[in-house]
Amino acid sequence: MTVMMGDRLEAPSALGTFLKMLRGRIPPDAATLGRYQRLPVRRGRRVTQEEIAELVGVTRGWYRLLESGASVRASMKLLDRLAQALVLTPDERMMLFTLAIPEMRQLTR
């Protein structure tokens, strides 16, 4: 799921792709996101960026920057909330942190 450009890992765009994939795999009829109830109005529709943003405590605009591959820095606390909200496996959680934190990418080389 990582994108390579020469020897350089293009993590911001890979992070955005990874987050979109994770959000897209949540079934439209899911009644919950992580441990939180979805609003009944949203049932039957795909999970929106706004729902994820609200769930993890950031603005939709800021979450959109993450998904768009903008070069922004997410805190460990935010990444942890994302991992919980998206119900990530340990491997997916490691991928999230590796893509989002430049220092982790250096450790995995």
N, C-alpha and C. Protein backbone atom coordinates (compact mmCIF):
# COMPACT_ATOMS: atom_id res chain seq x y z
N MET A 1 0.82 -1.19 0.00
CA MET A 1 0.00 0.00 0.00
C MET A 1 0.86 1.25 0.00
N THR A 2 2.17 1.13 0.07
CA THR A 2 3.03 2.30 0.02
C THR A 2 3.39 2.63 -1.42
N VAL A 3 3.63 3.89 -1.66
CA VAL A 3 3.98 4.36 -2.98
C VAL A 3 5.44 4.76 -2.96
N MET A 4 6.23 4.19 -3.86
CA MET A 4 7.66 4.48 -3.88
C MET A 4 7.97 5.43 -5.04
N MET A 5 8.81 6.40 -4.78
CA MET A 5 9.32 7.30 -5.81
C MET A 5 10.83 7.25 -5.68
N GLY A 6 11.49 6.48 -6.50
CA GLY A 6 12.92 6.28 -6.33
C GLY A 6 13.12 5.54 -5.02
N ASP A 7 13.97 6.06 -4.14
CA ASP A 7 14.17 5.47 -2.82
C ASP A 7 13.30 6.12 -1.76
N ARG A 8 12.51 7.09 -2.14
CA ARG A 8 11.75 7.87 -1.18
C ARG A 8 10.32 7.36 -1.06
N LEU A 9 9.85 7.19 0.14
CA LEU A 9 8.48 6.75 0.39
C LEU A 9 7.57 7.97 0.31
N GLU A 10 6.59 7.92 -0.54
CA GLU A 10 5.63 9.01 -0.67
C GLU A 10 4.49 8.77 0.30
N ALA A 11 4.74 9.00 1.57
CA ALA A 11 3.80 8.65 2.61
C ALA A 11 2.54 9.50 2.67
N PRO A 12 2.60 10.82 2.48
CA PRO A 12 1.33 11.56 2.58
C PRO A 12 0.27 11.05 1.62
N SER A 13 0.62 10.81 0.35
CA SER A 13 -0.41 10.33 -0.56
C SER A 13 -0.78 8.88 -0.25
N ALA A 14 0.18 8.08 0.21
CA ALA A 14 -0.13 6.71 0.61
C ALA A 14 -1.02 6.70 1.85
N LEU A 15 -0.78 7.62 2.77
CA LEU A 15 -1.64 7.73 3.96
C LEU A 15 -3.06 8.09 3.54
N GLY A 16 -3.20 9.04 2.64
CA GLY A 16 -4.53 9.42 2.16
C GLY A 16 -5.25 8.26 1.50
N THR A 17 -4.53 7.52 0.66
CA THR A 17 -5.11 6.35 -0.01
C THR A 17 -5.53 5.30 1.01
N PHE A 18 -4.68 5.08 2.00
CA PHE A 18 -4.95 4.09 3.04
C PHE A 18 -6.19 4.49 3.85
N LEU A 19 -6.29 5.76 4.24
CA LEU A 19 -7.45 6.23 5.01
C LEU A 19 -8.74 6.12 4.20
N LYS A 20 -8.69 6.46 2.92
CA LYS A 20 -9.88 6.32 2.06
C LYS A 20 -10.32 4.87 1.97
N MET A 21 -9.35 3.97 1.83
CA MET A 21 -9.66 2.55 1.74
C MET A 21 -10.32 2.08 3.05
N LEU A 22 -9.77 2.51 4.18
CA LEU A 22 -10.32 2.10 5.47
C LEU A 22 -11.74 2.62 5.66
N ARG A 23 -11.96 3.87 5.30
CA ARG A 23 -13.30 4.46 5.43
C ARG A 23 -14.27 3.78 4.47
N GLY A 24 -13.79 3.47 3.26
CA GLY A 24 -14.65 2.85 2.25
C GLY A 24 -15.06 1.43 2.57
N ARG A 25 -14.29 0.75 3.41
CA ARG A 25 -14.65 -0.64 3.71
C ARG A 25 -15.73 -0.75 4.79
N ILE A 26 -16.04 0.35 5.44
CA ILE A 26 -17.11 0.33 6.44
C ILE A 26 -18.44 0.19 5.70
N PRO A 27 -19.22 -0.83 6.01
CA PRO A 27 -20.47 -1.04 5.28
C PRO A 27 -21.42 0.15 5.45
N PRO A 28 -22.11 0.54 4.38
CA PRO A 28 -23.04 1.67 4.46
C PRO A 28 -24.11 1.50 5.54
N ASP A 29 -24.47 0.25 5.84
CA ASP A 29 -25.52 0.02 6.83
C ASP A 29 -24.98 -0.16 8.24
N ALA A 30 -23.70 0.13 8.44
CA ALA A 30 -23.11 -0.01 9.78
C ALA A 30 -23.80 0.95 10.74
N ALA A 31 -24.24 0.40 11.85
CA ALA A 31 -24.92 1.21 12.85
C ALA A 31 -23.93 1.89 13.79
N THR A 32 -22.69 1.42 13.78
CA THR A 32 -21.68 1.99 14.66
C THR A 32 -20.40 2.26 13.89
N LEU A 33 -19.61 3.16 14.44
CA LEU A 33 -18.24 3.42 13.98
C LEU A 33 -17.38 3.22 15.20
N GLY A 34 -16.58 2.17 15.18
CA GLY A 34 -15.82 1.87 16.39
C GLY A 34 -16.81 1.59 17.49
N ARG A 35 -16.69 2.31 18.56
CA ARG A 35 -17.62 2.10 19.68
C ARG A 35 -18.74 3.13 19.71
N TYR A 36 -18.84 3.96 18.68
CA TYR A 36 -19.82 5.04 18.64
C TYR A 36 -20.99 4.71 17.73
N GLN A 37 -22.19 5.11 18.15
CA GLN A 37 -23.39 4.94 17.33
C GLN A 37 -23.36 5.94 16.19
N ARG A 38 -23.73 5.49 15.00
CA ARG A 38 -23.92 6.43 13.90
C ARG A 38 -25.30 7.04 14.02
N LEU A 39 -25.46 8.21 13.49
CA LEU A 39 -26.77 8.84 13.48
C LEU A 39 -27.68 8.05 12.55
N PRO A 40 -28.93 7.81 12.94
CA PRO A 40 -29.83 7.05 12.07
C PRO A 40 -29.96 7.66 10.67
N VAL A 41 -29.84 8.97 10.56
CA VAL A 41 -29.95 9.66 9.27
C VAL A 41 -28.89 9.15 8.30
N ARG A 42 -27.74 8.75 8.83
CA ARG A 42 -26.62 8.32 7.99
C ARG A 42 -26.69 6.86 7.58
N ARG A 43 -27.52 6.08 8.20
CA ARG A 43 -27.58 4.66 7.85
C ARG A 43 -27.97 4.50 6.39
N GLY A 44 -27.33 3.55 5.74
CA GLY A 44 -27.62 3.31 4.33
C GLY A 44 -26.73 4.12 3.40
N ARG A 45 -26.00 5.08 3.95
CA ARG A 45 -25.07 5.87 3.16
C ARG A 45 -23.65 5.52 3.55
N ARG A 46 -22.73 5.76 2.64
CA ARG A 46 -21.32 5.54 2.96
C ARG A 46 -20.91 6.45 4.11
N VAL A 47 -19.94 6.00 4.86
CA VAL A 47 -19.41 6.80 5.96
C VAL A 47 -18.71 8.01 5.35
N THR A 48 -19.01 9.16 5.89
CA THR A 48 -18.45 10.40 5.34
C THR A 48 -17.19 10.82 6.08
N GLN A 49 -16.43 11.70 5.44
CA GLN A 49 -15.26 12.30 6.09
C GLN A 49 -15.71 13.04 7.35
N GLU A 50 -16.85 13.67 7.27
CA GLU A 50 -17.37 14.43 8.41
C GLU A 50 -17.62 13.53 9.62
N GLU A 51 -18.16 12.34 9.39
CA GLU A 51 -18.40 11.41 10.50
C GLU A 51 -17.10 10.98 11.16
N ILE A 52 -16.10 10.66 10.33
CA ILE A 52 -14.81 10.25 10.88
C ILE A 52 -14.18 11.42 11.63
N ALA A 53 -14.21 12.59 11.04
CA ALA A 53 -13.63 13.78 11.68
C ALA A 53 -14.28 14.06 13.03
N GLU A 54 -15.60 14.01 13.06
CA GLU A 54 -16.31 14.25 14.32
C GLU A 54 -15.96 13.19 15.36
N LEU A 55 -15.87 11.98 14.92
CA LEU A 55 -15.56 10.86 15.81
C LEU A 55 -14.19 11.01 16.47
N VAL A 56 -13.21 11.49 15.71
CA VAL A 56 -11.86 11.60 16.26
C VAL A 56 -11.53 12.99 16.79
N GLY A 57 -12.46 13.93 16.66
CA GLY A 57 -12.29 15.24 17.29
C GLY A 57 -11.50 16.26 16.49
N VAL A 58 -11.61 16.21 15.15
CA VAL A 58 -10.98 17.22 14.32
C VAL A 58 -12.03 17.78 13.36
N THR A 59 -11.70 18.86 12.68
CA THR A 59 -12.64 19.41 11.70
C THR A 59 -12.63 18.56 10.44
N ARG A 60 -13.70 18.67 9.69
CA ARG A 60 -13.78 17.94 8.42
C ARG A 60 -12.66 18.40 7.48
N GLY A 61 -12.39 19.69 7.49
CA GLY A 61 -11.33 20.23 6.63
C GLY A 61 -9.97 19.63 6.95
N TRP A 62 -9.70 19.46 8.24
CA TRP A 62 -8.40 18.89 8.64
C TRP A 62 -8.33 17.42 8.26
N TYR A 63 -9.42 16.69 8.49
CA TYR A 63 -9.43 15.28 8.10
C TYR A 63 -9.32 15.15 6.58
N ARG A 64 -9.97 16.05 5.86
CA ARG A 64 -9.88 16.02 4.40
C ARG A 64 -8.43 16.20 3.93
N LEU A 65 -7.67 17.06 4.63
CA LEU A 65 -6.25 17.23 4.30
C LEU A 65 -5.50 15.90 4.43
N LEU A 66 -5.80 15.15 5.51
CA LEU A 66 -5.16 13.84 5.68
C LEU A 66 -5.48 12.91 4.52
N GLU A 67 -6.76 12.83 4.17
CA GLU A 67 -7.18 11.92 3.10
C GLU A 67 -6.72 12.37 1.72
N SER A 68 -6.49 13.67 1.56
CA SER A 68 -6.08 14.17 0.24
C SER A 68 -4.60 13.98 -0.01
N GLY A 69 -3.87 13.59 1.02
CA GLY A 69 -2.44 13.40 0.85
C GLY A 69 -1.63 14.65 1.09
N ALA A 70 -2.27 15.68 1.68
CA ALA A 70 -1.53 16.89 2.01
C ALA A 70 -0.47 16.55 3.05
N SER A 71 0.58 17.30 3.04
CA SER A 71 1.69 17.03 3.96
C SER A 71 1.40 17.68 5.31
N VAL A 72 0.54 17.05 6.09
CA VAL A 72 0.22 17.53 7.44
C VAL A 72 0.69 16.50 8.45
N ARG A 73 0.89 16.92 9.66
CA ARG A 73 1.41 16.03 10.70
C ARG A 73 0.30 15.73 11.71
N ALA A 74 -0.04 14.48 11.84
CA ALA A 74 -1.06 14.05 12.82
C ALA A 74 -0.36 13.64 14.11
N SER A 75 -0.97 13.96 15.22
CA SER A 75 -0.41 13.59 16.52
C SER A 75 -0.62 12.10 16.77
N MET A 76 0.17 11.56 17.69
CA MET A 76 0.00 10.15 18.08
C MET A 76 -1.40 9.93 18.65
N LYS A 77 -1.88 10.91 19.39
CA LYS A 77 -3.20 10.80 20.00
C LYS A 77 -4.29 10.71 18.92
N LEU A 78 -4.18 11.54 17.90
CA LEU A 78 -5.14 11.51 16.81
C LEU A 78 -5.07 10.18 16.06
N LEU A 79 -3.87 9.73 15.79
CA LEU A 79 -3.70 8.45 15.09
C LEU A 79 -4.31 7.31 15.91
N ASP A 80 -4.14 7.37 17.22
CA ASP A 80 -4.73 6.36 18.08
C ASP A 80 -6.26 6.40 18.00
N ARG A 81 -6.83 7.61 18.00
CA ARG A 81 -8.29 7.74 17.89
C ARG A 81 -8.78 7.23 16.54
N LEU A 82 -8.01 7.51 15.47
CA LEU A 82 -8.37 6.99 14.16
C LEU A 82 -8.35 5.46 14.15
N ALA A 83 -7.30 4.89 14.73
CA ALA A 83 -7.18 3.42 14.77
C ALA A 83 -8.36 2.81 15.52
N GLN A 84 -8.78 3.44 16.60
CA GLN A 84 -9.92 2.92 17.37
C GLN A 84 -11.22 3.08 16.58
N ALA A 85 -11.42 4.26 15.99
CA ALA A 85 -12.65 4.53 15.26
C ALA A 85 -12.81 3.62 14.05
N LEU A 86 -11.71 3.34 13.37
CA LEU A 86 -11.76 2.52 12.17
C LEU A 86 -11.58 1.03 12.46
N VAL A 87 -11.48 0.69 13.75
CA VAL A 87 -11.36 -0.69 14.23
C VAL A 87 -10.24 -1.42 13.46
N LEU A 88 -9.04 -0.88 13.58
CA LEU A 88 -7.91 -1.42 12.84
C LEU A 88 -7.31 -2.65 13.52
N THR A 89 -6.82 -3.55 12.69
CA THR A 89 -6.06 -4.70 13.19
C THR A 89 -4.69 -4.18 13.63
N PRO A 90 -3.93 -4.96 14.38
CA PRO A 90 -2.58 -4.51 14.75
C PRO A 90 -1.71 -4.18 13.53
N ASP A 91 -1.80 -4.95 12.46
CA ASP A 91 -1.01 -4.66 11.26
C ASP A 91 -1.46 -3.37 10.58
N GLU A 92 -2.77 -3.15 10.53
CA GLU A 92 -3.28 -1.91 9.94
C GLU A 92 -2.89 -0.70 10.78
N ARG A 93 -2.94 -0.87 12.08
CA ARG A 93 -2.53 0.20 13.00
C ARG A 93 -1.06 0.56 12.77
N MET A 94 -0.21 -0.45 12.64
CA MET A 94 1.20 -0.21 12.38
C MET A 94 1.38 0.52 11.05
N MET A 95 0.63 0.12 10.03
CA MET A 95 0.70 0.79 8.74
C MET A 95 0.28 2.25 8.86
N LEU A 96 -0.80 2.52 9.59
CA LEU A 96 -1.26 3.89 9.79
C LEU A 96 -0.17 4.74 10.42
N PHE A 97 0.41 4.25 11.50
CA PHE A 97 1.45 5.01 12.19
C PHE A 97 2.70 5.16 11.33
N THR A 98 3.05 4.13 10.59
CA THR A 98 4.23 4.19 9.73
C THR A 98 4.06 5.21 8.62
N LEU A 99 2.88 5.25 8.02
CA LEU A 99 2.63 6.21 6.95
C LEU A 99 2.53 7.64 7.46
N ALA A 100 2.04 7.81 8.68
CA ALA A 100 1.78 9.15 9.20
C ALA A 100 2.96 9.80 9.91
N ILE A 101 3.91 9.00 10.39
CA ILE A 101 4.99 9.55 11.21
C ILE A 101 6.32 9.32 10.49
N PRO A 102 6.96 10.40 10.03
CA PRO A 102 8.21 10.25 9.28
C PRO A 102 9.27 9.43 10.03
N GLU A 103 9.37 9.60 11.32
CA GLU A 103 10.38 8.87 12.09
C GLU A 103 10.13 7.36 12.06
N MET A 104 8.89 6.95 11.99
CA MET A 104 8.57 5.52 11.92
C MET A 104 8.96 4.95 10.57
N ARG A 105 8.81 5.76 9.53
CA ARG A 105 9.19 5.30 8.19
C ARG A 105 10.69 5.02 8.14
N GLN A 106 11.46 5.85 8.82
CA GLN A 106 12.92 5.64 8.84
C GLN A 106 13.28 4.35 9.57
N LEU A 107 12.52 3.99 10.59
CA LEU A 107 12.79 2.76 11.33
C LEU A 107 12.46 1.51 10.53
N THR A 108 11.51 1.62 9.59
CA THR A 108 11.07 0.44 8.85
C THR A 108 11.88 0.20 7.57
N ARG A 109 12.83 1.02 7.30
CA ARG A 109 13.65 0.85 6.09
C ARG A 109 14.65 -0.24 6.28
